[in-house]
N, C-alpha and C. Protein backbone atom coordinates (compact mmCIF):
# COMPACT_ATOMS: atom_id res chain seq x y z
N MET A 1 -28.91 -12.97 15.57
CA MET A 1 -28.35 -13.32 14.66
C MET A 1 -28.84 -13.68 13.04
N SER A 2 -28.11 -13.29 12.04
CA SER A 2 -28.67 -13.72 10.71
C SER A 2 -28.80 -15.32 10.23
N ARG A 3 -29.01 -15.87 10.24
CA ARG A 3 -29.00 -17.30 9.49
C ARG A 3 -27.46 -17.23 8.22
N THR A 4 -27.56 -15.92 7.85
CA THR A 4 -25.94 -16.20 6.85
C THR A 4 -24.76 -16.23 7.79
N TYR A 5 -24.92 -14.83 8.95
CA TYR A 5 -24.13 -14.89 9.33
C TYR A 5 -23.43 -16.27 10.22
N LYS A 6 -24.19 -16.62 10.52
CA LYS A 6 -23.98 -18.11 11.12
C LYS A 6 -23.72 -19.31 10.09
N ASP A 7 -23.88 -19.08 8.70
CA ASP A 7 -23.45 -20.18 8.45
C ASP A 7 -21.03 -19.61 8.07
N SER A 8 -21.60 -18.27 7.84
CA SER A 8 -20.16 -17.46 7.37
C SER A 8 -19.19 -18.12 8.56
N ALA A 9 -19.32 -18.33 9.59
CA ALA A 9 -18.66 -17.86 10.40
C ALA A 9 -18.17 -19.37 10.66
N LYS A 10 -18.76 -20.37 10.56
CA LYS A 10 -18.36 -22.23 10.60
C LYS A 10 -17.40 -22.31 9.23
N GLY A 11 -17.82 -21.32 8.63
CA GLY A 11 -16.95 -21.85 6.91
C GLY A 11 -15.76 -21.17 6.57
N GLY A 12 -14.88 -21.27 7.83
CA GLY A 12 -13.92 -20.11 7.99
C GLY A 12 -12.53 -21.20 7.06
N GLY A 13 -12.52 -22.27 7.03
CA GLY A 13 -11.41 -22.52 6.09
C GLY A 13 -11.62 -23.19 4.70
N ARG A 14 -13.02 -22.13 4.11
CA ARG A 14 -13.21 -22.58 2.27
C ARG A 14 -12.52 -21.69 1.44
N GLU A 15 -11.82 -22.04 1.05
CA GLU A 15 -11.30 -21.58 -0.42
C GLU A 15 -12.66 -20.32 -0.66
N ARG A 16 -11.81 -19.23 -0.77
CA ARG A 16 -12.45 -17.99 -1.43
C ARG A 16 -13.04 -17.91 -2.71
N HIS A 17 -13.51 -17.12 -3.53
CA HIS A 17 -13.15 -17.21 -4.92
C HIS A 17 -13.67 -15.28 -4.91
N ILE A 18 -12.01 -14.38 -5.61
CA ILE A 18 -12.94 -12.83 -5.96
C ILE A 18 -13.35 -12.94 -7.18
N SER A 19 -13.98 -11.90 -7.13
CA SER A 19 -14.32 -11.38 -9.07
C SER A 19 -14.21 -9.50 -8.29
N VAL A 20 -14.18 -9.39 -9.19
CA VAL A 20 -13.55 -7.91 -9.72
C VAL A 20 -14.66 -7.18 -11.00
N ARG A 21 -15.70 -6.38 -10.76
CA ARG A 21 -16.42 -6.14 -11.83
C ARG A 21 -15.27 -4.47 -11.91
N ALA A 22 -14.77 -3.61 -12.85
CA ALA A 22 -15.08 -2.45 -13.30
C ALA A 22 -16.73 -1.45 -12.87
N VAL A 23 -16.11 -0.44 -11.50
CA VAL A 23 -17.29 0.85 -11.79
C VAL A 23 -16.60 2.22 -11.63
N ARG A 24 -16.09 2.64 -12.06
CA ARG A 24 -15.83 3.82 -12.36
C ARG A 24 -16.11 4.84 -11.20
N ARG A 25 -14.98 4.64 -10.81
CA ARG A 25 -15.56 6.05 -8.72
C ARG A 25 -14.61 7.22 -9.58
N ASN A 26 -15.25 8.43 -8.31
CA ASN A 26 -13.81 9.50 -8.51
C ASN A 26 -14.27 10.31 -6.95
N PRO A 27 -13.00 9.98 -5.62
CA PRO A 27 -12.21 8.85 -5.93
C PRO A 27 -11.76 7.23 -5.68
N PRO A 28 -11.94 7.09 -6.43
CA PRO A 28 -11.21 5.33 -6.95
C PRO A 28 -11.60 4.92 -4.31
N ASP A 29 -12.21 4.15 -4.40
CA ASP A 29 -12.41 3.25 -3.44
C ASP A 29 -10.77 2.84 -3.20
N LEU A 30 -10.22 2.76 -2.11
CA LEU A 30 -8.73 2.50 -2.83
C LEU A 30 -8.77 1.12 -1.71
N ARG A 31 -9.89 1.03 -0.39
CA ARG A 31 -9.74 -0.04 0.95
C ARG A 31 -10.21 -1.05 0.13
N LYS A 32 -11.21 -0.86 -1.12
CA LYS A 32 -11.43 -1.99 -1.11
C LYS A 32 -10.02 -2.70 -2.14
N LEU A 33 -10.00 -2.15 -3.18
CA LEU A 33 -8.27 -2.22 -4.27
C LEU A 33 -7.73 -2.46 -3.21
N SER A 34 -7.61 -2.34 -2.14
CA SER A 34 -6.51 -3.00 -1.00
C SER A 34 -6.26 -3.79 -0.84
N ARG A 35 -7.73 -4.26 -0.03
CA ARG A 35 -8.15 -5.23 -0.04
C ARG A 35 -8.05 -6.61 -1.04
N ALA A 36 -8.44 -6.57 -2.58
CA ALA A 36 -8.71 -6.61 -3.16
C ALA A 36 -7.06 -7.77 -3.73
N LEU A 37 -5.91 -6.39 -3.81
CA LEU A 37 -4.28 -6.46 -3.85
C LEU A 37 -4.19 -7.70 -3.05
N ILE A 38 -3.86 -7.68 -1.35
CA ILE A 38 -4.00 -8.65 -0.11
C ILE A 38 -4.18 -9.62 -0.11
N ALA A 39 -5.81 -9.83 -0.80
CA ALA A 39 -6.31 -11.83 -1.39
C ALA A 39 -5.60 -11.99 -1.58
N LEU A 40 -5.58 -11.18 -3.36
CA LEU A 40 -5.04 -11.92 -4.95
C LEU A 40 -3.17 -12.15 -4.10
N ALA A 41 -2.50 -11.33 -3.35
CA ALA A 41 -1.02 -11.95 -2.90
C ALA A 41 -0.98 -12.98 -2.30
N MET A 42 -1.93 -12.64 -1.51
CA MET A 42 -2.45 -14.02 -0.39
C MET A 42 -1.96 -15.53 -0.89
N ALA A 43 -3.31 -15.61 -1.88
CA ALA A 43 -3.45 -16.74 -2.16
C ALA A 43 -2.22 -17.20 -3.41
N GLN A 44 -1.81 -16.15 -3.82
CA GLN A 44 -0.51 -16.45 -4.79
C GLN A 44 0.36 -17.22 -3.87
N ALA A 45 0.79 -16.48 -2.78
CA ALA A 45 1.71 -17.28 -2.13
C ALA A 45 1.88 -18.34 -1.27
N ALA A 46 -0.10 -18.45 -1.13
CA ALA A 46 0.22 -19.79 -0.85
C ALA A 46 -0.22 -21.15 -1.80
N ALA A 47 -0.51 -20.73 -2.90
CA ALA A 47 -0.58 -21.26 -4.02
C ALA A 47 1.65 -21.87 -4.27
N GLU A 48 1.82 -20.66 -4.11
CA GLU A 48 3.30 -21.34 -4.00
C GLU A 48 4.68 -21.99 -3.20
N ALA A 49 3.96 -22.28 -1.71
CA ALA A 49 4.17 -22.45 -0.98
C ALA A 49 3.55 -23.85 -1.06
N ALA A 50 2.44 -23.91 -1.85
CA ALA A 50 2.13 -25.54 -1.52
C ALA A 50 2.63 -26.39 -2.88
N ALA A 51 2.86 -25.61 -3.63
CA ALA A 51 3.59 -26.30 -4.84
C ALA A 51 5.66 -26.51 -4.58
N GLU A 52 5.76 -25.68 -3.46
CA GLU A 52 6.97 -25.91 -3.04
C GLU A 52 7.31 -26.65 -2.44
N ALA A 53 6.37 -27.12 -1.51
CA ALA A 53 6.22 -28.64 0.43
C ALA A 53 6.25 -29.49 -1.17
N ASP A 54 5.04 -29.55 -2.05
CA ASP A 54 4.87 -31.43 -3.09
C ASP A 54 6.46 -30.97 -3.68
N ALA A 55 6.89 -30.03 -3.68
CA ALA A 55 8.13 -29.87 -5.11
C ALA A 55 9.13 -30.71 -3.45
N LYS A 56 9.27 -30.18 -2.63
CA LYS A 56 10.59 -30.81 -1.41
C LYS A 56 9.34 -32.27 -1.36
N GLN A 57 8.72 -32.86 -1.26
CA GLN A 57 8.68 -33.90 -0.28
C GLN A 57 8.58 -35.05 -2.05
N ARG A 58 8.11 -34.44 -2.86
CA ARG A 58 9.05 -35.53 -4.17
C ARG A 58 10.62 -35.60 -4.32
N THR A 59 10.82 -34.72 -4.01
CA THR A 59 12.65 -34.99 -3.83
C THR A 59 12.82 -35.53 -2.40
N ASP A 60 12.75 -35.87 -1.67
CA ASP A 60 12.73 -36.62 -0.20
C ASP A 60 12.36 -37.81 -0.81
N GLU A 61 11.31 -37.72 -1.17
CA GLU A 61 11.25 -39.17 -1.74
C GLU A 61 12.42 -40.21 -2.91
N ALA A 62 11.87 -39.04 -3.47
CA ALA A 62 13.36 -39.81 -4.57
C ALA A 62 14.31 -40.40 -3.40
N GLN A 63 15.21 -39.54 -2.94
CA GLN A 63 16.52 -39.64 -2.59
C GLN A 63 16.24 -40.98 -1.61
N THR A 64 15.10 -41.18 -0.59
CA THR A 64 15.21 -42.11 0.31
C THR A 64 14.68 -43.07 0.04
N PRO A 65 15.88 -43.98 -0.02
CA PRO A 65 15.42 -45.28 -0.17
C PRO A 65 14.98 -46.48 0.18
N GLU A 66 14.19 -46.83 -0.40
CA GLU A 66 12.97 -48.31 -0.01
C GLU A 66 13.79 -49.21 0.75
N THR A 67 13.18 -49.07 2.59
CA THR A 67 14.55 -50.56 3.48
C THR A 67 13.00 -51.37 3.37
N LYS A 68 13.59 -52.99 3.25
CA LYS A 68 12.72 -53.71 3.12
C LYS A 68 13.22 -54.03 4.56
N ASP A 69 12.99 -55.19 5.32
CA ASP A 69 13.34 -56.23 6.18
C ASP A 69 13.28 -58.16 5.07
N VAL A 70 14.08 -58.00 5.75
CA VAL A 70 15.07 -59.30 4.74
C VAL A 70 14.56 -59.58 6.48
């Protein structure tokens, strides 16, 4: 196994950065395009879910009164 392969297997939870460069091909590489679109959709869904969870947590904290021992 190469060193690069070993390092990439360990970092499964890291955030990935996607860059797209225009290269005209005939016919277009639909597999690459579909993978990029799916990755973008998954990143957007994860961001929306995190924002929703954060908003729910804030709402729950605002509605729950603080209890103090007397």
